[in-house]
């Protein structure tokens, strides 16, 4: 996970990865915040992002488990 002060991470936790990302939530619920709104992602959901400015938030009281796969796009 990204810590405050990481390159490309703004004060609100938003960042871009420059990659195509597949995130599969295996346990819990997490909120994906985007430039225009947010969405709750639940266990069993899959998110696909293409260099999207975003932040992840866990508003619950339990840890969330997820598998994240990042692929660099072709040059």
C-alpha atoms as a PDB file:
ATOM      1  CA  UNK A   1       0.000   0.000   0.000  1.00  0.00           C
ATOM      2  CA  UNK A   2       1.135   3.575  -0.603  1.00  0.00           C
ATOM      3  CA  UNK A   3       2.284   5.691   2.312  1.00  0.00           C
ATOM      4  CA  UNK A   4       1.892   9.449   2.620  1.00  0.00           C
ATOM      5  CA  UNK A   5       4.818  11.080   0.844  1.00  0.00           C
ATOM      6  CA  UNK A   6       5.053   8.373  -1.846  1.00  0.00           C
ATOM      7  CA  UNK A   7       5.758   9.803  -5.326  1.00  0.00           C
ATOM      8  CA  UNK A   8       2.534  10.622  -7.170  1.00  0.00           C
ATOM      9  CA  UNK A   9       0.349  10.358  -4.045  1.00  0.00           C
ATOM     10  CA  UNK A  10      -1.586  13.529  -3.300  1.00  0.00           C
ATOM     11  CA  UNK A  11      -2.743  14.691   0.142  1.00  0.00           C
ATOM     12  CA  UNK A  12      -6.090  12.882  -0.275  1.00  0.00           C
ATOM     13  CA  UNK A  13      -4.452   9.580  -1.223  1.00  0.00           C
ATOM     14  CA  UNK A  14      -5.269   9.848  -4.922  1.00  0.00           C
ATOM     15  CA  UNK A  15      -2.733   8.457  -7.376  1.00  0.00           C
ATOM     16  CA  UNK A  16      -2.255   7.003 -10.857  1.00  0.00           C
ATOM     17  CA  UNK A  17      -0.349   3.821 -11.480  1.00  0.00           C
ATOM     18  CA  UNK A  18       0.353   4.237 -15.204  1.00  0.00           C
ATOM     19  CA  UNK A  19      -0.700   0.606 -15.627  1.00  0.00           C
ATOM     20  CA  UNK A  20      -3.710  -1.532 -16.372  1.00  0.00           C
ATOM     21  CA  UNK A  21      -4.847  -2.832 -12.969  1.00  0.00           C
ATOM     22  CA  UNK A  22      -7.077  -5.774 -12.089  1.00  0.00           C
ATOM     23  CA  UNK A  23      -8.210  -5.752  -8.460  1.00  0.00           C
ATOM     24  CA  UNK A  24     -10.174  -8.738  -7.149  1.00  0.00           C
ATOM     25  CA  UNK A  25     -11.682  -8.277  -3.681  1.00  0.00           C
ATOM     26  CA  UNK A  26     -11.665 -11.624  -1.865  1.00  0.00           C
ATOM     27  CA  UNK A  27     -12.868 -10.531   1.606  1.00  0.00           C
ATOM     28  CA  UNK A  28     -14.665  -7.459   2.895  1.00  0.00           C
ATOM     29  CA  UNK A  29     -15.864  -4.246   1.294  1.00  0.00           C
ATOM     30  CA  UNK A  30     -13.722  -1.314   0.159  1.00  0.00           C
ATOM     31  CA  UNK A  31     -14.607   1.999  -1.473  1.00  0.00           C
ATOM     32  CA  UNK A  32     -12.955   3.027  -4.727  1.00  0.00           C
ATOM     33  CA  UNK A  33     -12.942   6.815  -5.060  1.00  0.00           C
ATOM     34  CA  UNK A  34     -12.605   8.329  -8.515  1.00  0.00           C
ATOM     35  CA  UNK A  35     -12.495  11.885  -9.852  1.00  0.00           C
ATOM     36  CA  UNK A  36     -16.279  11.770 -10.331  1.00  0.00           C
ATOM     37  CA  UNK A  37     -17.818   9.731  -7.532  1.00  0.00           C
ATOM     38  CA  UNK A  38     -17.134   6.511  -5.692  1.00  0.00           C
ATOM     39  CA  UNK A  39     -18.259   2.896  -5.663  1.00  0.00           C
ATOM     40  CA  UNK A  40     -18.298   0.173  -3.017  1.00  0.00           C
ATOM     41  CA  UNK A  41     -16.419  -2.940  -4.092  1.00  0.00           C
ATOM     42  CA  UNK A  42     -17.466  -6.160  -2.345  1.00  0.00           C
ATOM     43  CA  UNK A  43     -15.953  -9.635  -2.023  1.00  0.00           C
ATOM     44  CA  UNK A  44     -16.229 -11.317  -5.429  1.00  0.00           C
ATOM     45  CA  UNK A  45     -16.116  -8.021  -7.364  1.00  0.00           C
ATOM     46  CA  UNK A  46     -13.403  -7.250  -9.911  1.00  0.00           C
ATOM     47  CA  UNK A  47     -12.247  -3.739 -10.844  1.00  0.00           C
ATOM     48  CA  UNK A  48     -10.340  -3.016 -14.065  1.00  0.00           C
ATOM     49  CA  UNK A  49      -8.611   0.375 -14.304  1.00  0.00           C
ATOM     50  CA  UNK A  50      -6.560   1.949 -17.076  1.00  0.00           C
ATOM     51  CA  UNK A  51      -4.285   4.617 -15.554  1.00  0.00           C
ATOM     52  CA  UNK A  52      -7.232   6.003 -13.560  1.00  0.00           C
ATOM     53  CA  UNK A  53      -6.739   8.672 -10.903  1.00  0.00           C
ATOM     54  CA  UNK A  54      -8.130   6.939  -7.797  1.00  0.00           C
ATOM     55  CA  UNK A  55      -7.931   6.245  -4.071  1.00  0.00           C
ATOM     56  CA  UNK A  56      -8.959   3.255  -1.967  1.00  0.00           C
ATOM     57  CA  UNK A  57     -10.799   3.697   1.361  1.00  0.00           C
ATOM     58  CA  UNK A  58     -11.736   1.107   3.965  1.00  0.00           C
ATOM     59  CA  UNK A  59     -14.585   2.670   5.946  1.00  0.00           C
ATOM     60  CA  UNK A  60     -15.305  -0.599   7.741  1.00  0.00           C
ATOM     61  CA  UNK A  61     -13.836  -1.973  10.944  1.00  0.00           C
ATOM     62  CA  UNK A  62     -12.390  -5.146   9.373  1.00  0.00           C
ATOM     63  CA  UNK A  63      -9.422  -5.595   7.051  1.00  0.00           C
ATOM     64  CA  UNK A  64     -10.083  -6.077   3.345  1.00  0.00           C
ATOM     65  CA  UNK A  65      -8.251  -8.710   1.339  1.00  0.00           C
ATOM     66  CA  UNK A  66      -7.709  -8.284  -2.384  1.00  0.00           C
ATOM     67  CA  UNK A  67      -5.523  -9.512  -5.200  1.00  0.00           C
ATOM     68  CA  UNK A  68      -4.050  -6.773  -7.402  1.00  0.00           C
ATOM     69  CA  UNK A  69      -2.441  -7.409 -10.784  1.00  0.00           C
ATOM     70  CA  UNK A  70      -0.750  -4.506 -12.574  1.00  0.00           C
ATOM     71  CA  UNK A  71       0.313  -4.740 -16.187  1.00  0.00           C
ATOM     72  CA  UNK A  72       2.411  -2.122 -17.942  1.00  0.00           C
ATOM     73  CA  UNK A  73       0.760  -1.108 -21.227  1.00  0.00           C
ATOM     74  CA  UNK A  74       2.696  -1.728 -24.447  1.00  0.00           C
ATOM     75  CA  UNK A  75       4.974   1.109 -25.523  1.00  0.00           C
END
